[in-house]
Amino acid sequence: MSDQTVRVWDPLVRAGHWLLVIGFTVAYVTEGDPLFVHVWTGYAIAVIVVLRIVWGFVGPRRARFTDFVYGPAKVFDYLRGLIGKRAPRFIGHSPAGGAMVVALLIFLAGTTFTGMMTLADAGNAGPLAFWFGNEQVAAARTAAEAAGQEYRYRSPYEEVHEIFVNITLILVLLHVAGVAWASYVHRENLPRAMVTGVKRAE
């Protein structure tokens, strides 16, 4: 690292970012088939989200929410400036980038939680089975299987889960577009910075 560069992102932030990219992609593509891949990927995403939230309070400066969470006025001012190619450059997350981090964490948490609710209701399984398990559905499935019949049940939580998934996907696409545009405006390869952890100093 030279005098012209500065280390910004710590290993946990970088690893968590790319693992969430991989995890969300795998979970979205599998769509529950095979179910165990979808379920365990969801668990992994949930753990990473929890760790990132905790790290946002106890991690190094650039990882903390206090470093990149701004009010709505600051976020929209930055976005207007970015569109007009005159937004100031931030060493850490920009106001819009910080808002996106928070939004993605919220909706990834909602996605995984509603996914576990669906698993509990439809399969009487998973960590939320104690609260959302449906013994009637489990009994009906067992009876149908014993009779050699196929049992179909769509949990009402599944629709909520899909809403969270679709909103998260929209946020991801907006995030990618925003990163691409900010990289162009600030003449900086932001995806590479999230790999190396290093950005130019000024």
Protein backbone atom coordinates (compact mmCIF):
# COMPACT_ATOMS: atom_id res chain seq x y z
CA MET A 1 0.00 0.00 0.00
CA SER A 2 1.52 3.32 -1.13
CA ASP A 3 1.05 6.90 0.03
CA GLN A 4 -1.56 7.27 -2.72
CA THR A 5 -3.78 4.51 -1.34
CA VAL A 6 -5.60 3.85 1.91
CA ARG A 7 -7.00 0.65 3.38
CA VAL A 8 -10.77 1.04 3.79
CA TRP A 9 -12.54 -2.31 3.97
CA ASP A 10 -11.52 -4.91 6.53
CA PRO A 11 -11.54 -8.65 5.71
CA LEU A 12 -14.88 -9.32 7.42
CA VAL A 13 -16.68 -6.62 5.44
CA ARG A 14 -15.17 -7.81 2.16
CA ALA A 15 -15.77 -11.52 2.80
CA GLY A 16 -19.30 -10.86 4.03
CA HIS A 17 -20.09 -8.77 0.95
CA TRP A 18 -19.00 -11.40 -1.57
CA LEU A 19 -20.46 -14.30 0.39
CA LEU A 20 -23.83 -12.51 0.38
CA VAL A 21 -23.48 -12.04 -3.39
CA ILE A 22 -22.85 -15.77 -3.85
CA GLY A 23 -25.46 -16.82 -1.30
CA PHE A 24 -28.27 -14.69 -2.69
CA THR A 25 -27.46 -15.84 -6.24
CA VAL A 26 -27.50 -19.52 -5.25
CA ALA A 27 -30.70 -19.17 -3.21
CA TYR A 28 -32.45 -17.26 -5.99
CA VAL A 29 -31.41 -19.70 -8.72
CA THR A 30 -32.30 -22.85 -6.77
CA GLU A 31 -35.76 -21.56 -5.74
CA GLY A 32 -36.10 -24.47 -3.33
CA ASP A 33 -34.93 -27.17 -5.74
CA PRO A 34 -33.02 -28.91 -4.29
CA LEU A 35 -34.57 -27.75 -1.04
CA PHE A 36 -31.59 -28.47 1.21
CA VAL A 37 -29.33 -26.22 -0.89
CA HIS A 38 -31.88 -23.40 -0.77
CA VAL A 39 -32.47 -23.82 2.96
CA TRP A 40 -28.83 -24.03 4.03
CA THR A 41 -27.88 -21.13 1.79
CA GLY A 42 -30.61 -19.15 3.51
CA TYR A 43 -29.18 -20.06 6.90
CA ALA A 44 -25.73 -18.92 5.77
CA ILE A 45 -27.13 -15.60 4.56
CA ALA A 46 -28.92 -15.09 7.87
CA VAL A 47 -25.72 -15.69 9.84
CA ILE A 48 -23.73 -13.29 7.63
CA VAL A 49 -26.41 -10.61 7.98
CA VAL A 50 -26.37 -10.93 11.78
CA LEU A 51 -22.57 -10.78 11.85
CA ARG A 52 -22.54 -7.71 9.60
CA ILE A 53 -25.07 -5.93 11.80
CA VAL A 54 -23.00 -6.67 14.91
CA TRP A 55 -19.85 -5.59 13.05
CA GLY A 56 -21.61 -2.36 12.19
CA PHE A 57 -21.48 -1.48 15.89
CA VAL A 58 -18.17 -2.98 17.04
CA GLY A 59 -16.05 -3.18 13.88
CA PRO A 60 -13.40 -0.74 12.66
CA ARG A 61 -14.32 2.81 11.66
CA ARG A 62 -15.32 2.24 8.03
CA ALA A 63 -17.42 -0.79 8.95
CA ARG A 64 -19.52 1.06 11.52
CA PHE A 65 -22.98 2.40 10.76
CA THR A 66 -21.96 5.71 12.33
CA ASP A 67 -19.49 6.18 9.47
CA PHE A 68 -21.95 5.82 6.61
CA VAL A 69 -25.56 6.22 7.77
CA TYR A 70 -26.86 9.66 6.85
CA GLY A 71 -30.24 11.35 6.90
CA PRO A 72 -32.57 11.26 3.86
CA ALA A 73 -31.68 14.83 2.81
CA LYS A 74 -27.97 13.96 2.59
CA VAL A 75 -28.74 10.78 0.64
CA PHE A 76 -30.91 12.56 -1.93
CA ASP A 77 -28.43 15.44 -2.24
CA TYR A 78 -25.70 12.94 -3.00
CA LEU A 79 -27.86 11.11 -5.54
CA ARG A 80 -28.69 14.35 -7.33
CA GLY A 81 -25.02 15.20 -7.43
CA LEU A 82 -24.08 11.74 -8.64
CA ILE A 83 -26.58 11.92 -11.49
CA GLY A 84 -25.11 15.29 -12.46
CA LYS A 85 -21.55 13.94 -12.12
CA ARG A 86 -20.69 16.43 -9.40
CA ALA A 87 -21.14 14.37 -6.22
CA PRO A 88 -18.25 14.50 -3.73
CA ARG A 89 -16.16 11.36 -3.34
CA PHE A 90 -16.23 9.48 -0.03
CA ILE A 91 -13.43 7.25 1.22
CA GLY A 92 -15.93 4.94 2.89
CA HIS A 93 -19.50 4.37 1.81
CA SER A 94 -21.21 7.34 0.22
CA PRO A 95 -24.56 8.45 1.70
CA ALA A 96 -26.39 6.52 -1.03
CA GLY A 97 -24.12 3.52 -0.59
CA GLY A 98 -24.72 3.55 3.14
CA ALA A 99 -28.48 3.72 2.64
CA MET A 100 -28.24 0.75 0.28
CA VAL A 101 -26.24 -1.26 2.83
CA VAL A 102 -28.94 -0.70 5.44
CA ALA A 103 -31.76 -1.48 2.99
CA LEU A 104 -30.11 -4.69 1.81
CA LEU A 105 -29.46 -5.87 5.36
CA ILE A 106 -33.09 -5.22 6.28
CA PHE A 107 -34.54 -7.01 3.28
CA LEU A 108 -32.07 -9.90 3.40
CA ALA A 109 -33.02 -10.37 7.04
CA GLY A 110 -36.71 -10.26 6.08
CA THR A 111 -36.10 -12.70 3.23
CA THR A 112 -34.36 -15.26 5.41
CA PHE A 113 -36.82 -14.89 8.29
CA THR A 114 -39.89 -15.35 6.07
CA GLY A 115 -38.13 -18.24 4.38
CA MET A 116 -37.72 -19.95 7.75
CA MET A 117 -41.35 -19.17 8.55
CA THR A 118 -42.36 -20.86 5.29
CA LEU A 119 -40.19 -23.89 6.03
CA ALA A 120 -41.71 -24.21 9.49
CA ASP A 121 -45.29 -23.90 8.25
CA ALA A 122 -44.96 -26.10 5.18
CA GLY A 123 -42.50 -28.66 6.52
CA ASN A 124 -42.72 -28.34 10.30
CA ALA A 125 -38.94 -27.95 10.20
CA GLY A 126 -36.22 -25.40 10.79
CA PRO A 127 -35.36 -23.10 13.69
CA LEU A 128 -38.81 -21.47 13.72
CA ALA A 129 -40.78 -24.72 13.77
CA PHE A 130 -41.58 -24.28 17.46
CA TRP A 131 -43.41 -21.02 16.72
CA PHE A 132 -44.65 -21.47 13.15
CA GLY A 133 -44.76 -25.25 12.74
CA ASN A 134 -48.01 -26.61 11.35
CA GLU A 135 -48.75 -30.03 12.77
CA GLN A 136 -51.93 -30.38 10.70
CA VAL A 137 -49.97 -29.94 7.50
CA ALA A 138 -47.33 -32.40 8.70
CA ALA A 139 -49.99 -34.97 9.57
CA ALA A 140 -51.76 -34.52 6.23
CA ARG A 141 -48.48 -34.95 4.37
CA THR A 142 -47.65 -38.11 6.31
CA ALA A 143 -51.12 -39.56 5.59
CA ALA A 144 -50.84 -38.72 1.89
CA GLU A 145 -47.40 -40.30 1.61
CA ALA A 146 -48.64 -43.42 3.39
CA ALA A 147 -51.42 -43.65 0.81
CA GLY A 148 -48.93 -43.17 -2.03
CA GLN A 149 -50.37 -39.79 -2.92
CA GLU A 150 -48.70 -36.45 -3.53
CA TYR A 151 -49.46 -33.77 -0.98
CA ARG A 152 -49.37 -30.13 -2.02
CA TYR A 153 -49.51 -27.21 0.33
CA ARG A 154 -48.56 -23.59 -0.27
CA SER A 155 -47.81 -21.70 2.90
CA PRO A 156 -49.30 -18.20 3.17
CA TYR A 157 -45.86 -17.09 4.34
CA GLU A 158 -44.39 -18.09 1.00
CA GLU A 159 -45.99 -15.14 -0.76
CA VAL A 160 -44.50 -12.75 1.79
CA HIS A 161 -41.14 -14.46 1.33
CA GLU A 162 -41.35 -13.94 -2.44
CA ILE A 163 -42.16 -10.25 -1.95
CA PHE A 164 -39.03 -9.84 0.16
CA VAL A 165 -36.98 -11.75 -2.43
CA ASN A 166 -38.20 -9.60 -5.30
CA ILE A 167 -37.60 -6.33 -3.45
CA THR A 168 -34.13 -7.56 -2.51
CA LEU A 169 -33.44 -8.39 -6.16
CA ILE A 170 -34.50 -4.88 -7.20
CA LEU A 171 -32.20 -3.42 -4.54
CA VAL A 172 -29.33 -5.58 -5.78
CA LEU A 173 -29.83 -4.39 -9.36
CA LEU A 174 -30.00 -0.76 -8.20
CA HIS A 175 -26.86 -1.35 -6.15
CA VAL A 176 -24.96 -2.75 -9.13
CA ALA A 177 -26.09 0.15 -11.34
CA GLY A 178 -25.16 2.67 -8.64
CA VAL A 179 -21.72 1.15 -8.11
CA ALA A 180 -21.08 1.16 -11.86
CA TRP A 181 -22.11 4.81 -12.21
CA ALA A 182 -20.20 5.93 -9.10
CA SER A 183 -17.11 4.11 -10.37
CA TYR A 184 -17.40 6.07 -13.62
CA VAL A 185 -18.07 9.44 -11.97
CA HIS A 186 -15.28 9.12 -9.40
CA ARG A 187 -12.88 7.32 -11.76
CA GLU A 188 -12.53 4.48 -9.31
CA ASN A 189 -13.03 0.72 -9.54
CA LEU A 190 -15.32 0.19 -6.55
CA PRO A 191 -15.80 -3.59 -7.04
CA ARG A 192 -12.01 -4.04 -7.03
CA ALA A 193 -11.81 -1.96 -3.85
CA MET A 194 -14.24 -4.37 -2.22
CA VAL A 195 -11.89 -7.21 -3.18
CA THR A 196 -8.59 -5.61 -2.13
CA GLY A 197 -9.95 -3.38 0.63
CA VAL A 198 -7.86 -0.52 -0.77
CA LYS A 199 -8.92 2.78 -2.38
CA ARG A 200 -6.95 5.78 -3.54
CA ALA A 201 -6.29 8.24 -0.75
CA GLU A 202 -7.75 11.32 -2.49
